[in-house]
Amino acid sequence: MMAERSGTIILVGSLSGRVATPTYSIYAATKFGLVGFAEALRREVSVWGIHVALLMPGAVDTKLGAESVARRRTGFRTPRRWLLQPEQVADAVVRLAHAPRAILVIPWWMRPATWLARRAPGLVDWLTERYFVRPERADDLAGPDSAPGVGDTAERSQ
């Protein structure tokens, strides 16, 4: 590519590279790393006419997703109509090959989620904790130390 002074490198990341979700911390870390790598690489190779495009799909209908949902206590899952099909991801790769851009988030309607996660992280934290983490971890949070009155100062002083 450097000798030809042209080309496109397409990296496939995930929406998790912008909006980290609980129970996927290691996955999110690798995807955040990929965002940084893509940004640095894009700036490094642009002088040779090489484009670097990062595709960030939302949830894709794959075996990996189905297995992770099976392990959740809440049974929380991405609504079926929101799942991308692998063919949609492939089509996006082809589009980027023909018309490269720095970052492409698919589906398009997930772009506001990336904006919100960067501009109002406290709100995203609160919503995630309230509607996912607490229900998902209810059994762990309700251990013997969390029973009402245990450890209260009034009890300890008696």
C-alpha atoms as a PDB file:
ATOM      1  CA  MET A   1       0.000   0.000   0.000  1.00  0.00           C
ATOM      2  CA  MET A   2       2.829   2.373   0.829  1.00  0.00           C
ATOM      3  CA  ALA A   3       4.539   1.625  -2.506  1.00  0.00           C
ATOM      4  CA  GLU A   4       1.259   2.083  -4.380  1.00  0.00           C
ATOM      5  CA  ARG A   5       0.428   5.196  -2.336  1.00  0.00           C
ATOM      6  CA  SER A   6      -3.152   4.014  -1.945  1.00  0.00           C
ATOM      7  CA  GLY A   7      -5.363   1.544  -0.201  1.00  0.00           C
ATOM      8  CA  THR A   8      -7.868   1.164   2.585  1.00  0.00           C
ATOM      9  CA  ILE A   9      -7.448  -0.675   5.867  1.00  0.00           C
ATOM     10  CA  ILE A  10     -10.780  -1.609   7.420  1.00  0.00           C
ATOM     11  CA  LEU A  11     -10.888  -2.518  11.094  1.00  0.00           C
ATOM     12  CA  VAL A  12     -14.021  -4.050  12.562  1.00  0.00           C
ATOM     13  CA  GLY A  13     -14.591  -3.008  16.137  1.00  0.00           C
ATOM     14  CA  SER A  14     -17.796  -2.664  18.066  1.00  0.00           C
ATOM     15  CA  LEU A  15     -20.125  -0.082  19.516  1.00  0.00           C
ATOM     16  CA  SER A  16     -18.578  -1.282  22.789  1.00  0.00           C
ATOM     17  CA  GLY A  17     -15.538   0.759  21.781  1.00  0.00           C
ATOM     18  CA  ARG A  18     -17.561   3.879  22.590  1.00  0.00           C
ATOM     19  CA  VAL A  19     -20.238   2.639  24.992  1.00  0.00           C
ATOM     20  CA  ALA A  20     -18.845   0.114  27.465  1.00  0.00           C
ATOM     21  CA  THR A  21     -21.389  -2.259  28.917  1.00  0.00           C
ATOM     22  CA  PRO A  22     -21.254  -4.222  32.170  1.00  0.00           C
ATOM     23  CA  THR A  23     -20.329  -7.902  31.966  1.00  0.00           C
ATOM     24  CA  TYR A  24     -18.262  -7.100  28.866  1.00  0.00           C
ATOM     25  CA  SER A  25     -15.417  -5.142  30.509  1.00  0.00           C
ATOM     26  CA  ILE A  26     -12.559  -7.031  28.847  1.00  0.00           C
ATOM     27  CA  TYR A  27     -14.338  -6.984  25.496  1.00  0.00           C
ATOM     28  CA  ALA A  28     -14.954  -3.230  25.836  1.00  0.00           C
ATOM     29  CA  ALA A  29     -11.309  -2.620  26.748  1.00  0.00           C
ATOM     30  CA  THR A  30     -10.120  -4.349  23.584  1.00  0.00           C
ATOM     31  CA  LYS A  31     -12.588  -2.361  21.475  1.00  0.00           C
ATOM     32  CA  PHE A  32     -11.597   0.957  23.096  1.00  0.00           C
ATOM     33  CA  GLY A  33      -7.999  -0.006  22.295  1.00  0.00           C
ATOM     34  CA  LEU A  34      -8.951  -0.657  18.692  1.00  0.00           C
ATOM     35  CA  VAL A  35     -10.461   2.845  18.455  1.00  0.00           C
ATOM     36  CA  GLY A  36      -7.135   4.326  19.594  1.00  0.00           C
ATOM     37  CA  PHE A  37      -5.173   2.085  17.251  1.00  0.00           C
ATOM     38  CA  ALA A  38      -7.363   3.052  14.279  1.00  0.00           C
ATOM     39  CA  GLU A  39      -7.030   6.752  15.066  1.00  0.00           C
ATOM     40  CA  ALA A  40      -3.238   6.591  15.387  1.00  0.00           C
ATOM     41  CA  LEU A  41      -2.811   4.349  12.340  1.00  0.00           C
ATOM     42  CA  ARG A  42      -5.045   6.603  10.234  1.00  0.00           C
ATOM     43  CA  ARG A  43      -2.848   9.588  11.066  1.00  0.00           C
ATOM     44  CA  GLU A  44       0.330   7.593  10.547  1.00  0.00           C
ATOM     45  CA  VAL A  45      -0.408   6.238   7.057  1.00  0.00           C
ATOM     46  CA  SER A  46      -2.442   9.053   5.543  1.00  0.00           C
ATOM     47  CA  VAL A  47       0.729  10.626   4.082  1.00  0.00           C
ATOM     48  CA  TRP A  48       0.945   7.592   1.769  1.00  0.00           C
ATOM     49  CA  GLY A  49      -2.641   7.986   0.597  1.00  0.00           C
ATOM     50  CA  ILE A  50      -3.778   5.055   2.731  1.00  0.00           C
ATOM     51  CA  HIS A  51      -7.174   5.284   4.423  1.00  0.00           C
ATOM     52  CA  VAL A  52      -8.036   3.642   7.718  1.00  0.00           C
ATOM     53  CA  ALA A  53     -11.721   3.048   8.419  1.00  0.00           C
ATOM     54  CA  LEU A  54     -13.189   1.706  11.645  1.00  0.00           C
ATOM     55  CA  LEU A  55     -16.544  -0.053  11.539  1.00  0.00           C
ATOM     56  CA  MET A  56     -18.388  -0.045  14.861  1.00  0.00           C
ATOM     57  CA  PRO A  57     -21.464  -2.280  14.664  1.00  0.00           C
ATOM     58  CA  GLY A  58     -23.998  -2.636  17.440  1.00  0.00           C
ATOM     59  CA  ALA A  59     -25.241  -6.052  18.508  1.00  0.00           C
ATOM     60  CA  VAL A  60     -24.955  -8.678  15.784  1.00  0.00           C
ATOM     61  CA  ASP A  61     -27.036 -11.842  15.633  1.00  0.00           C
ATOM     62  CA  THR A  62     -24.284 -14.401  16.309  1.00  0.00           C
ATOM     63  CA  LYS A  63     -23.680 -17.484  18.436  1.00  0.00           C
ATOM     64  CA  LEU A  64     -21.473 -15.408  20.786  1.00  0.00           C
ATOM     65  CA  GLY A  65     -24.378 -13.099  21.607  1.00  0.00           C
ATOM     66  CA  ALA A  66     -26.804 -15.949  22.184  1.00  0.00           C
ATOM     67  CA  GLU A  67     -24.377 -17.701  24.570  1.00  0.00           C
ATOM     68  CA  SER A  68     -23.778 -14.569  26.648  1.00  0.00           C
ATOM     69  CA  VAL A  69     -27.513 -13.939  27.040  1.00  0.00           C
ATOM     70  CA  ALA A  70     -28.003 -17.522  28.231  1.00  0.00           C
ATOM     71  CA  ARG A  71     -25.641 -16.788  31.143  1.00  0.00           C
ATOM     72  CA  ARG A  72     -27.508 -13.666  32.304  1.00  0.00           C
ATOM     73  CA  ARG A  73     -29.742 -13.897  35.342  1.00  0.00           C
ATOM     74  CA  THR A  74     -32.132 -11.252  34.094  1.00  0.00           C
ATOM     75  CA  GLY A  75     -32.441 -12.824  30.671  1.00  0.00           C
ATOM     76  CA  PHE A  76     -31.933  -9.287  29.344  1.00  0.00           C
ATOM     77  CA  ARG A  77     -31.321  -9.384  25.642  1.00  0.00           C
ATOM     78  CA  THR A  78     -31.130  -6.942  22.786  1.00  0.00           C
ATOM     79  CA  PRO A  79     -34.529  -6.882  21.081  1.00  0.00           C
ATOM     80  CA  ARG A  80     -34.426  -9.083  17.996  1.00  0.00           C
ATOM     81  CA  ARG A  81     -35.421  -6.231  15.692  1.00  0.00           C
ATOM     82  CA  TRP A  82     -32.334  -4.275  16.870  1.00  0.00           C
ATOM     83  CA  LEU A  83     -29.872  -7.050  16.015  1.00  0.00           C
ATOM     84  CA  LEU A  84     -27.765  -6.607  12.923  1.00  0.00           C
ATOM     85  CA  GLN A  85     -27.389  -9.567  10.633  1.00  0.00           C
ATOM     86  CA  PRO A  86     -23.837 -10.587   9.667  1.00  0.00           C
ATOM     87  CA  GLU A  87     -24.675  -9.690   6.058  1.00  0.00           C
ATOM     88  CA  GLN A  88     -25.383  -6.091   7.114  1.00  0.00           C
ATOM     89  CA  VAL A  89     -21.927  -5.880   8.672  1.00  0.00           C
ATOM     90  CA  ALA A  90     -20.389  -7.305   5.493  1.00  0.00           C
ATOM     91  CA  ASP A  91     -22.282  -4.746   3.382  1.00  0.00           C
ATOM     92  CA  ALA A  92     -20.903  -1.947   5.581  1.00  0.00           C
ATOM     93  CA  VAL A  93     -17.350  -3.261   5.057  1.00  0.00           C
ATOM     94  CA  VAL A  94     -17.884  -3.155   1.292  1.00  0.00           C
ATOM     95  CA  ARG A  95     -19.270   0.413   1.551  1.00  0.00           C
ATOM     96  CA  LEU A  96     -16.192   1.493   3.520  1.00  0.00           C
ATOM     97  CA  ALA A  97     -13.900  -0.102   0.930  1.00  0.00           C
ATOM     98  CA  HIS A  98     -15.519   2.045  -1.764  1.00  0.00           C
ATOM     99  CA  ALA A  99     -15.971   5.208   0.322  1.00  0.00           C
ATOM    100  CA  PRO A 100     -13.667   5.176   3.349  1.00  0.00           C
ATOM    101  CA  ARG A 101     -14.437   7.270   6.392  1.00  0.00           C
ATOM    102  CA  ALA A 102     -12.749   7.406   9.783  1.00  0.00           C
ATOM    103  CA  ILE A 103     -15.579   5.779  11.771  1.00  0.00           C
ATOM    104  CA  LEU A 104     -18.881   4.243  10.782  1.00  0.00           C
ATOM    105  CA  VAL A 105     -21.382   3.272  13.480  1.00  0.00           C
ATOM    106  CA  ILE A 106     -24.128   0.887  12.414  1.00  0.00           C
ATOM    107  CA  PRO A 107     -27.035   0.881  12.701  1.00  0.00           C
ATOM    108  CA  TRP A 108     -27.224   4.646  12.203  1.00  0.00           C
ATOM    109  CA  TRP A 109     -29.713   5.135  15.025  1.00  0.00           C
ATOM    110  CA  MET A 110     -27.098   3.982  17.582  1.00  0.00           C
ATOM    111  CA  ARG A 111     -24.969   7.086  16.926  1.00  0.00           C
ATOM    112  CA  PRO A 112     -26.795   9.106  19.611  1.00  0.00           C
ATOM    113  CA  ALA A 113     -25.829   6.440  22.169  1.00  0.00           C
ATOM    114  CA  THR A 114     -22.158   7.102  21.444  1.00  0.00           C
ATOM    115  CA  TRP A 115     -22.761  10.841  21.786  1.00  0.00           C
ATOM    116  CA  LEU A 116     -24.625  10.398  25.086  1.00  0.00           C
ATOM    117  CA  ALA A 117     -21.946   8.106  26.542  1.00  0.00           C
ATOM    118  CA  ARG A 118     -19.294  10.765  25.877  1.00  0.00           C
ATOM    119  CA  ARG A 119     -21.328  13.822  26.910  1.00  0.00           C
ATOM    120  CA  ALA A 120     -23.293  12.468  29.877  1.00  0.00           C
ATOM    121  CA  PRO A 121     -21.413   9.468  31.284  1.00  0.00           C
ATOM    122  CA  GLY A 122     -23.023   9.884  34.721  1.00  0.00           C
ATOM    123  CA  LEU A 123     -26.494   9.541  33.213  1.00  0.00           C
ATOM    124  CA  VAL A 124     -25.452   6.448  31.262  1.00  0.00           C
ATOM    125  CA  ASP A 125     -23.908   5.000  34.447  1.00  0.00           C
ATOM    126  CA  TRP A 126     -27.114   5.598  36.410  1.00  0.00           C
ATOM    127  CA  LEU A 127     -29.379   4.117  33.730  1.00  0.00           C
ATOM    128  CA  THR A 128     -27.116   1.090  33.305  1.00  0.00           C
ATOM    129  CA  GLU A 129     -26.889   0.444  37.041  1.00  0.00           C
ATOM    130  CA  ARG A 130     -30.609   0.866  37.633  1.00  0.00           C
ATOM    131  CA  TYR A 131     -31.937  -1.140  34.709  1.00  0.00           C
ATOM    132  CA  PHE A 132     -29.226  -3.741  34.174  1.00  0.00           C
ATOM    133  CA  VAL A 133     -26.511  -4.120  36.814  1.00  0.00           C
ATOM    134  CA  ARG A 134     -28.700  -4.134  39.942  1.00  0.00           C
ATOM    135  CA  PRO A 135     -31.248  -6.597  38.496  1.00  0.00           C
ATOM    136  CA  GLU A 136     -28.421  -8.741  37.080  1.00  0.00           C
ATOM    137  CA  ARG A 137     -26.490  -8.803  40.365  1.00  0.00           C
ATOM    138  CA  ALA A 138     -29.431  -8.874  42.790  1.00  0.00           C
ATOM    139  CA  ASP A 139     -28.407 -12.189  44.397  1.00  0.00           C
ATOM    140  CA  ASP A 140     -24.817 -11.028  44.886  1.00  0.00           C
ATOM    141  CA  LEU A 141     -25.926  -7.693  46.368  1.00  0.00           C
ATOM    142  CA  ALA A 142     -28.350  -9.357  48.810  1.00  0.00           C
ATOM    143  CA  GLY A 143     -25.659 -11.167  50.783  1.00  0.00           C
ATOM    144  CA  PRO A 144     -25.729 -11.538  54.589  1.00  0.00           C
ATOM    145  CA  ASP A 145     -24.011  -8.167  55.133  1.00  0.00           C
ATOM    146  CA  SER A 146     -26.763  -6.296  53.304  1.00  0.00           C
ATOM    147  CA  ALA A 147     -29.616  -7.403  55.599  1.00  0.00           C
ATOM    148  CA  PRO A 148     -31.445  -4.453  57.239  1.00  0.00           C
ATOM    149  CA  GLY A 149     -29.936  -3.432  60.548  1.00  0.00           C
ATOM    150  CA  VAL A 150     -26.755  -5.489  60.225  1.00  0.00           C
ATOM    151  CA  GLY A 151     -23.786  -3.302  60.935  1.00  0.00           C
ATOM    152  CA  ASP A 152     -25.887  -0.260  61.926  1.00  0.00           C
ATOM    153  CA  THR A 153     -24.121   2.099  64.337  1.00  0.00           C
ATOM    154  CA  ALA A 154     -26.915   1.723  66.878  1.00  0.00           C
ATOM    155  CA  GLU A 155     -26.380  -2.050  67.012  1.00  0.00           C
ATOM    156  CA  ARG A 156     -22.602  -1.754  67.233  1.00  0.00           C
ATOM    157  CA  SER A 157     -22.775   0.635  70.211  1.00  0.00           C
ATOM    158  CA  GLN A 158     -24.891  -1.801  72.293  1.00  0.00           C
END
